[in-house]
Amino acid sequence: MKGTGAIRKVNKFELVKKHLLKRKKITSWEAIEKYRATRLSDIIWKLRNKGYSIASEWVTNKDGMRYTVYHYWGGKNE
């Protein structure tokens, strides 16, 4: 290993999970902008299968564009 210390690589799954635990919601656009996570629905599916309670809310913006907001409700070591 090069350098003076090991750097732990945090993957997109962990970044999105930490975001949800802290901020309680996330959209696909946030996931792309902040974490380069383009498959948010897959990450949400995996989190749900691990015991996290995450609700999906369809939202329509002022331009008529629809998107999903994922809300963390609890579960897995609350």
PDB file of N, CA and C in Angstrom:
ATOM      1  N   MET A   1       0.839  -1.171   0.000  1.00  0.00           N
ATOM      2  CA  MET A   1       0.000   0.000   0.000  1.00  0.00           C
ATOM      3  C   MET A   1       0.890   1.243   0.000  1.00  0.00           C
ATOM      4  N   LYS A   2       0.584   2.194  -0.847  1.00  0.00           N
ATOM      5  CA  LYS A   2       1.362   3.424  -0.917  1.00  0.00           C
ATOM      6  C   LYS A   2       0.845   4.444   0.082  1.00  0.00           C
ATOM      7  N   GLY A   3       1.685   5.349   0.472  1.00  0.00           N
ATOM      8  CA  GLY A   3       1.273   6.419   1.361  1.00  0.00           C
ATOM      9  C   GLY A   3       1.510   6.064   2.817  1.00  0.00           C
ATOM     10  N   THR A   4       1.095   6.986   3.685  1.00  0.00           N
ATOM     11  CA  THR A   4       1.335   6.803   5.109  1.00  0.00           C
ATOM     12  C   THR A   4       0.185   6.125   5.828  1.00  0.00           C
ATOM     13  N   GLY A   5      -0.977   6.099   5.223  1.00  0.00           N
ATOM     14  CA  GLY A   5      -2.119   5.473   5.879  1.00  0.00           C
ATOM     15  C   GLY A   5      -3.091   4.919   4.868  1.00  0.00           C
ATOM     16  N   ALA A   6      -3.903   3.995   5.316  1.00  0.00           N
ATOM     17  CA  ALA A   6      -4.899   3.403   4.427  1.00  0.00           C
ATOM     18  C   ALA A   6      -6.096   4.342   4.314  1.00  0.00           C
ATOM     19  N   ILE A   7      -6.583   4.526   3.121  1.00  0.00           N
ATOM     20  CA  ILE A   7      -7.771   5.337   2.882  1.00  0.00           C
ATOM     21  C   ILE A   7      -8.918   4.386   2.588  1.00  0.00           C
ATOM     22  N   ARG A   8      -9.957   4.466   3.402  1.00  0.00           N
ATOM     23  CA  ARG A   8     -11.108   3.587   3.210  1.00  0.00           C
ATOM     24  C   ARG A   8     -11.985   4.169   2.111  1.00  0.00           C
ATOM     25  N   LYS A   9     -12.221   3.379   1.099  1.00  0.00           N
ATOM     26  CA  LYS A   9     -13.080   3.812   0.006  1.00  0.00           C
ATOM     27  C   LYS A   9     -14.542   3.645   0.426  1.00  0.00           C
ATOM     28  N   VAL A  10     -15.280   4.724   0.364  1.00  0.00           N
ATOM     29  CA  VAL A  10     -16.700   4.682   0.696  1.00  0.00           C
ATOM     30  C   VAL A  10     -17.465   4.569  -0.609  1.00  0.00           C
ATOM     31  N   ASN A  11     -18.302   3.547  -0.727  1.00  0.00           N
ATOM     32  CA  ASN A  11     -19.026   3.367  -1.981  1.00  0.00           C
ATOM     33  C   ASN A  11     -20.328   4.177  -2.003  1.00  0.00           C
ATOM     34  N   LYS A  12     -20.940   4.226  -3.154  1.00  0.00           N
ATOM     35  CA  LYS A  12     -22.145   5.023  -3.352  1.00  0.00           C
ATOM     36  C   LYS A  12     -23.283   4.561  -2.449  1.00  0.00           C
ATOM     37  N   PHE A  13     -23.382   3.248  -2.235  1.00  0.00           N
ATOM     38  CA  PHE A  13     -24.400   2.701  -1.343  1.00  0.00           C
ATOM     39  C   PHE A  13     -24.271   3.324   0.045  1.00  0.00           C
ATOM     40  N   GLU A  14     -23.067   3.322   0.588  1.00  0.00           N
ATOM     41  CA  GLU A  14     -22.828   3.873   1.924  1.00  0.00           C
ATOM     42  C   GLU A  14     -23.069   5.381   1.971  1.00  0.00           C
ATOM     43  N   LEU A  15     -22.679   6.083   0.927  1.00  0.00           N
ATOM     44  CA  LEU A  15     -22.892   7.525   0.884  1.00  0.00           C
ATOM     45  C   LEU A  15     -24.377   7.873   0.896  1.00  0.00           C
ATOM     46  N   VAL A  16     -25.165   7.153   0.098  1.00  0.00           N
ATOM     47  CA  VAL A  16     -26.612   7.393   0.051  1.00  0.00           C
ATOM     48  C   VAL A  16     -27.243   7.015   1.387  1.00  0.00           C
ATOM     49  N   LYS A  17     -26.816   5.905   1.964  1.00  0.00           N
ATOM     50  CA  LYS A  17     -27.345   5.479   3.262  1.00  0.00           C
ATOM     51  C   LYS A  17     -27.081   6.542   4.327  1.00  0.00           C
ATOM     52  N   LYS A  18     -25.867   7.058   4.382  1.00  0.00           N
ATOM     53  CA  LYS A  18     -25.534   8.098   5.364  1.00  0.00           C
ATOM     54  C   LYS A  18     -26.361   9.360   5.123  1.00  0.00           C
ATOM     55  N   HIS A  19     -26.569   9.701   3.858  1.00  0.00           N
ATOM     56  CA  HIS A  19     -27.380  10.870   3.506  1.00  0.00           C
ATOM     57  C   HIS A  19     -28.798  10.695   4.044  1.00  0.00           C
ATOM     58  N   LEU A  20     -29.391   9.532   3.803  1.00  0.00           N
ATOM     59  CA  LEU A  20     -30.757   9.275   4.270  1.00  0.00           C
ATOM     60  C   LEU A  20     -30.847   9.291   5.789  1.00  0.00           C
ATOM     61  N   LEU A  21     -29.880   8.694   6.456  1.00  0.00           N
ATOM     62  CA  LEU A  21     -29.911   8.661   7.914  1.00  0.00           C
ATOM     63  C   LEU A  21     -29.796  10.061   8.508  1.00  0.00           C
ATOM     64  N   LYS A  22     -29.044  10.927   7.860  1.00  0.00           N
ATOM     65  CA  LYS A  22     -28.847  12.286   8.362  1.00  0.00           C
ATOM     66  C   LYS A  22     -29.955  13.246   7.937  1.00  0.00           C
ATOM     67  N   ARG A  23     -30.288  13.235   6.654  1.00  0.00           N
ATOM     68  CA  ARG A  23     -31.224  14.236   6.107  1.00  0.00           C
ATOM     69  C   ARG A  23     -32.652  13.721   5.943  1.00  0.00           C
ATOM     70  N   LYS A  24     -32.847  12.406   6.050  1.00  0.00           N
ATOM     71  CA  LYS A  24     -34.176  11.766   6.018  1.00  0.00           C
ATOM     72  C   LYS A  24     -34.848  11.707   4.658  1.00  0.00           C
ATOM     73  N   LYS A  25     -34.244  12.293   3.606  1.00  0.00           N
ATOM     74  CA  LYS A  25     -34.830  12.182   2.266  1.00  0.00           C
ATOM     75  C   LYS A  25     -33.754  12.410   1.215  1.00  0.00           C
ATOM     76  N   ILE A  26     -34.041  11.908  -0.008  1.00  0.00           N
ATOM     77  CA  ILE A  26     -33.115  12.096  -1.123  1.00  0.00           C
ATOM     78  C   ILE A  26     -33.877  11.946  -2.437  1.00  0.00           C
ATOM     79  N   THR A  27     -33.403  12.653  -3.461  1.00  0.00           N
ATOM     80  CA  THR A  27     -33.943  12.505  -4.813  1.00  0.00           C
ATOM     81  C   THR A  27     -32.834  11.968  -5.714  1.00  0.00           C
ATOM     82  N   SER A  28     -33.211  11.512  -6.889  1.00  0.00           N
ATOM     83  CA  SER A  28     -32.213  11.028  -7.840  1.00  0.00           C
ATOM     84  C   SER A  28     -31.231  12.127  -8.212  1.00  0.00           C
ATOM     85  N   TRP A  29     -31.725  13.344  -8.373  1.00  0.00           N
ATOM     86  CA  TRP A  29     -30.840  14.445  -8.754  1.00  0.00           C
ATOM     87  C   TRP A  29     -29.792  14.712  -7.667  1.00  0.00           C
ATOM     88  N   GLU A  30     -30.217  14.685  -6.404  1.00  0.00           N
ATOM     89  CA  GLU A  30     -29.260  14.859  -5.302  1.00  0.00           C
ATOM     90  C   GLU A  30     -28.212  13.751  -5.311  1.00  0.00           C
ATOM     91  N   ALA A  31     -28.668  12.528  -5.523  1.00  0.00           N
ATOM     92  CA  ALA A  31     -27.746  11.390  -5.529  1.00  0.00           C
ATOM     93  C   ALA A  31     -26.717  11.514  -6.651  1.00  0.00           C
ATOM     94  N   ILE A  32     -27.160  11.985  -7.805  1.00  0.00           N
ATOM     95  CA  ILE A  32     -26.244  12.161  -8.940  1.00  0.00           C
ATOM     96  C   ILE A  32     -25.266  13.300  -8.659  1.00  0.00           C
ATOM     97  N   GLU A  33     -25.791  14.447  -8.228  1.00  0.00           N
ATOM     98  CA  GLU A  33     -24.934  15.611  -7.986  1.00  0.00           C
ATOM     99  C   GLU A  33     -23.908  15.391  -6.879  1.00  0.00           C
ATOM    100  N   LYS A  34     -24.360  14.822  -5.764  1.00  0.00           N
ATOM    101  CA  LYS A  34     -23.496  14.715  -4.591  1.00  0.00           C
ATOM    102  C   LYS A  34     -22.602  13.483  -4.595  1.00  0.00           C
ATOM    103  N   TYR A  35     -23.120  12.356  -5.123  1.00  0.00           N
ATOM    104  CA  TYR A  35     -22.405  11.086  -4.975  1.00  0.00           C
ATOM    105  C   TYR A  35     -22.141  10.360  -6.291  1.00  0.00           C
ATOM    106  N   ARG A  36     -22.558  10.961  -7.408  1.00  0.00           N
ATOM    107  CA  ARG A  36     -22.447  10.327  -8.724  1.00  0.00           C
ATOM    108  C   ARG A  36     -23.160   8.967  -8.769  1.00  0.00           C
ATOM    109  N   ALA A  37     -24.205   8.850  -7.987  1.00  0.00           N
ATOM    110  CA  ALA A  37     -24.998   7.620  -7.910  1.00  0.00           C
ATOM    111  C   ALA A  37     -26.161   7.727  -8.888  1.00  0.00           C
ATOM    112  N   THR A  38     -26.046   7.049 -10.019  1.00  0.00           N
ATOM    113  CA  THR A  38     -27.069   7.147 -11.060  1.00  0.00           C
ATOM    114  C   THR A  38     -28.144   6.074 -10.929  1.00  0.00           C
ATOM    115  N   ARG A  39     -27.965   5.113 -10.034  1.00  0.00           N
ATOM    116  CA  ARG A  39     -28.946   4.042  -9.872  1.00  0.00           C
ATOM    117  C   ARG A  39     -29.542   4.074  -8.467  1.00  0.00           C
ATOM    118  N   LEU A  40     -30.121   5.213  -8.107  1.00  0.00           N
ATOM    119  CA  LEU A  40     -30.658   5.392  -6.761  1.00  0.00           C
ATOM    120  C   LEU A  40     -31.735   4.368  -6.434  1.00  0.00           C
ATOM    121  N   SER A  41     -32.599   4.051  -7.374  1.00  0.00           N
ATOM    122  CA  SER A  41     -33.674   3.089  -7.082  1.00  0.00           C
ATOM    123  C   SER A  41     -33.107   1.730  -6.689  1.00  0.00           C
ATOM    124  N   ASP A  42     -31.977   1.334  -7.261  1.00  0.00           N
ATOM    125  CA  ASP A  42     -31.335   0.075  -6.884  1.00  0.00           C
ATOM    126  C   ASP A  42     -30.792   0.148  -5.458  1.00  0.00           C
ATOM    127  N   ILE A  43     -30.189   1.269  -5.114  1.00  0.00           N
ATOM    128  CA  ILE A  43     -29.669   1.444  -3.757  1.00  0.00           C
ATOM    129  C   ILE A  43     -30.813   1.427  -2.751  1.00  0.00           C
ATOM    130  N   ILE A  44     -31.922   2.085  -3.074  1.00  0.00           N
ATOM    131  CA  ILE A  44     -33.096   2.098  -2.197  1.00  0.00           C
ATOM    132  C   ILE A  44     -33.640   0.682  -2.033  1.00  0.00           C
ATOM    133  N   TRP A  45     -33.709  -0.072  -3.107  1.00  0.00           N
ATOM    134  CA  TRP A  45     -34.188  -1.455  -3.060  1.00  0.00           C
ATOM    135  C   TRP A  45     -33.318  -2.290  -2.113  1.00  0.00           C
ATOM    136  N   LYS A  46     -32.003  -2.130  -2.218  1.00  0.00           N
ATOM    137  CA  LYS A  46     -31.076  -2.878  -1.356  1.00  0.00           C
ATOM    138  C   LYS A  46     -31.228  -2.458   0.104  1.00  0.00           C
ATOM    139  N   LEU A  47     -31.397  -1.171   0.355  1.00  0.00           N
ATOM    140  CA  LEU A  47     -31.599  -0.702   1.728  1.00  0.00           C
ATOM    141  C   LEU A  47     -32.890  -1.269   2.318  1.00  0.00           C
ATOM    142  N   ARG A  48     -33.953  -1.270   1.529  1.00  0.00           N
ATOM    143  CA  ARG A  48     -35.218  -1.852   2.007  1.00  0.00           C
ATOM    144  C   ARG A  48     -35.051  -3.327   2.348  1.00  0.00           C
ATOM    145  N   ASN A  49     -34.314  -4.052   1.513  1.00  0.00           N
ATOM    146  CA  ASN A  49     -34.080  -5.479   1.775  1.00  0.00           C
ATOM    147  C   ASN A  49     -33.208  -5.715   3.006  1.00  0.00           C
ATOM    148  N   LYS A  50     -32.470  -4.704   3.428  1.00  0.00           N
ATOM    149  CA  LYS A  50     -31.641  -4.813   4.630  1.00  0.00           C
ATOM    150  C   LYS A  50     -32.397  -4.354   5.882  1.00  0.00           C
ATOM    151  N   GLY A  51     -33.662  -3.992   5.724  1.00  0.00           N
ATOM    152  CA  GLY A  51     -34.477  -3.657   6.882  1.00  0.00           C
ATOM    153  C   GLY A  51     -34.747  -2.178   7.112  1.00  0.00           C
ATOM    154  N   TYR A  52     -34.336  -1.317   6.197  1.00  0.00           N
ATOM    155  CA  TYR A  52     -34.611   0.109   6.331  1.00  0.00           C
ATOM    156  C   TYR A  52     -35.997   0.406   5.785  1.00  0.00           C
ATOM    157  N   SER A  53     -36.740   1.256   6.488  1.00  0.00           N
ATOM    158  CA  SER A  53     -38.079   1.640   6.052  1.00  0.00           C
ATOM    159  C   SER A  53     -37.967   2.935   5.252  1.00  0.00           C
ATOM    160  N   ILE A  54     -38.203   2.827   3.946  1.00  0.00           N
ATOM    161  CA  ILE A  54     -38.063   3.967   3.049  1.00  0.00           C
ATOM    162  C   ILE A  54     -39.311   4.066   2.185  1.00  0.00           C
ATOM    163  N   ALA A  55     -39.960   5.218   2.251  1.00  0.00           N
ATOM    164  CA  ALA A  55     -41.173   5.450   1.470  1.00  0.00           C
ATOM    165  C   ALA A  55     -40.825   6.219   0.197  1.00  0.00           C
ATOM    166  N   SER A  56     -41.618   5.999  -0.840  1.00  0.00           N
ATOM    167  CA  SER A  56     -41.450   6.703  -2.113  1.00  0.00           C
ATOM    168  C   SER A  56     -42.603   7.684  -2.281  1.00  0.00           C
ATOM    169  N   GLU A  57     -42.280   8.906  -2.643  1.00  0.00           N
ATOM    170  CA  GLU A  57     -43.299   9.929  -2.889  1.00  0.00           C
ATOM    171  C   GLU A  57     -43.082  10.527  -4.271  1.00  0.00           C
ATOM    172  N   TRP A  58     -44.115  10.439  -5.113  1.00  0.00           N
ATOM    173  CA  TRP A  58     -44.040  11.069  -6.428  1.00  0.00           C
ATOM    174  C   TRP A  58     -44.371  12.544  -6.275  1.00  0.00           C
ATOM    175  N   VAL A  59     -43.528  13.396  -6.877  1.00  0.00           N
ATOM    176  CA  VAL A  59     -43.696  14.841  -6.807  1.00  0.00           C
ATOM    177  C   VAL A  59     -43.695  15.392  -8.230  1.00  0.00           C
ATOM    178  N   THR A  60     -44.534  16.388  -8.476  1.00  0.00           N
ATOM    179  CA  THR A  60     -44.540  17.076  -9.765  1.00  0.00           C
ATOM    180  C   THR A  60     -44.098  18.507  -9.532  1.00  0.00           C
ATOM    181  N   ASN A  61     -43.051  18.935 -10.249  1.00  0.00           N
ATOM    182  CA  ASN A  61     -42.563  20.303 -10.064  1.00  0.00           C
ATOM    183  C   ASN A  61     -43.406  21.281 -10.876  1.00  0.00           C
ATOM    184  N   LYS A  62     -43.075  22.568 -10.780  1.00  0.00           N
ATOM    185  CA  LYS A  62     -43.873  23.605 -11.446  1.00  0.00           C
ATOM    186  C   LYS A  62     -43.873  23.491 -12.965  1.00  0.00           C
ATOM    187  N   ASP A  63     -42.861  22.796 -13.535  1.00  0.00           N
ATOM    188  CA  ASP A  63     -42.779  22.596 -14.986  1.00  0.00           C
ATOM    189  C   ASP A  63     -43.484  21.318 -15.441  1.00  0.00           C
ATOM    190  N   GLY A  64     -44.090  20.610 -14.501  1.00  0.00           N
ATOM    191  CA  GLY A  64     -44.804  19.385 -14.829  1.00  0.00           C
ATOM    192  C   GLY A  64     -43.926  18.139 -14.847  1.00  0.00           C
ATOM    193  N   MET A  65     -42.673  18.270 -14.471  1.00  0.00           N
ATOM    194  CA  MET A  65     -41.780  17.111 -14.440  1.00  0.00           C
ATOM    195  C   MET A  65     -41.993  16.328 -13.144  1.00  0.00           C
ATOM    196  N   ARG A  66     -42.130  15.013 -13.283  1.00  0.00           N
ATOM    197  CA  ARG A  66     -42.349  14.152 -12.114  1.00  0.00           C
ATOM    198  C   ARG A  66     -41.053  13.491 -11.696  1.00  0.00           C
ATOM    199  N   TYR A  67     -40.878  13.357 -10.395  1.00  0.00           N
ATOM    200  CA  TYR A  67     -39.719  12.652  -9.860  1.00  0.00           C
ATOM    201  C   TYR A  67     -40.085  12.061  -8.500  1.00  0.00           C
ATOM    202  N   THR A  68     -39.240  11.174  -8.006  1.00  0.00           N
ATOM    203  CA  THR A  68     -39.494  10.506  -6.745  1.00  0.00           C
ATOM    204  C   THR A  68     -38.606  11.077  -5.653  1.00  0.00           C
ATOM    205  N   VAL A  69     -39.215  11.306  -4.500  1.00  0.00           N
ATOM    206  CA  VAL A  69     -38.469  11.655  -3.296  1.00  0.00           C
ATOM    207  C   VAL A  69     -38.547  10.435  -2.388  1.00  0.00           C
ATOM    208  N   TYR A  70     -37.395   9.942  -1.946  1.00  0.00           N
ATOM    209  CA  TYR A  70     -37.344   8.808  -1.035  1.00  0.00           C
ATOM    210  C   TYR A  70     -37.186   9.336   0.383  1.00  0.00           C
ATOM    211  N   HIS A  71     -38.074   8.877   1.285  1.00  0.00           N
ATOM    212  CA  HIS A  71     -38.079   9.321   2.675  1.00  0.00           C
ATOM    213  C   HIS A  71     -37.687   8.158   3.580  1.00  0.00           C
ATOM    214  N   TYR A  72     -36.721   8.386   4.451  1.00  0.00           N
ATOM    215  CA  TYR A  72     -36.314   7.377   5.435  1.00  0.00           C
ATOM    216  C   TYR A  72     -37.212   7.496   6.659  1.00  0.00           C
ATOM    217  N   TRP A  73     -37.836   6.369   7.050  1.00  0.00           N
ATOM    218  CA  TRP A  73     -38.750   6.362   8.177  1.00  0.00           C
ATOM    219  C   TRP A  73     -38.214   5.621   9.391  1.00  0.00           C
ATOM    220  N   GLY A  74     -37.112   4.940   9.235  1.00  0.00           N
ATOM    221  CA  GLY A  74     -36.553   4.216  10.381  1.00  0.00           C
ATOM    222  C   GLY A  74     -36.136   2.814   9.995  1.00  0.00           C
ATOM    223  N   GLY A  75     -35.941   2.039  11.019  1.00  0.00           N
ATOM    224  CA  GLY A  75     -35.501   0.666  10.816  1.00  0.00           C
ATOM    225  C   GLY A  75     -34.011   0.520  11.021  1.00  0.00           C
ATOM    226  N   LYS A  76     -33.532  -0.683  10.979  1.00  0.00           N
ATOM    227  CA  LYS A  76     -32.105  -1.041  11.063  1.00  0.00           C
ATOM    228  C   LYS A  76     -31.326  -0.130  12.011  1.00  0.00           C
ATOM    229  N   ASN A  77     -31.310  -0.458  13.268  1.00  0.00           N
ATOM    230  CA  ASN A  77     -30.513   0.256  14.281  1.00  0.00           C
ATOM    231  C   ASN A  77     -30.873   1.727  14.412  1.00  0.00           C
ATOM    232  N   GLU A  78     -32.144   2.004  14.550  1.00  0.00           N
ATOM    233  CA  GLU A  78     -32.613   3.410  14.630  1.00  0.00           C
ATOM    234  C   GLU A  78     -31.875   4.172  15.676  1.00  0.00           C
TER     235      GLU A  78
END
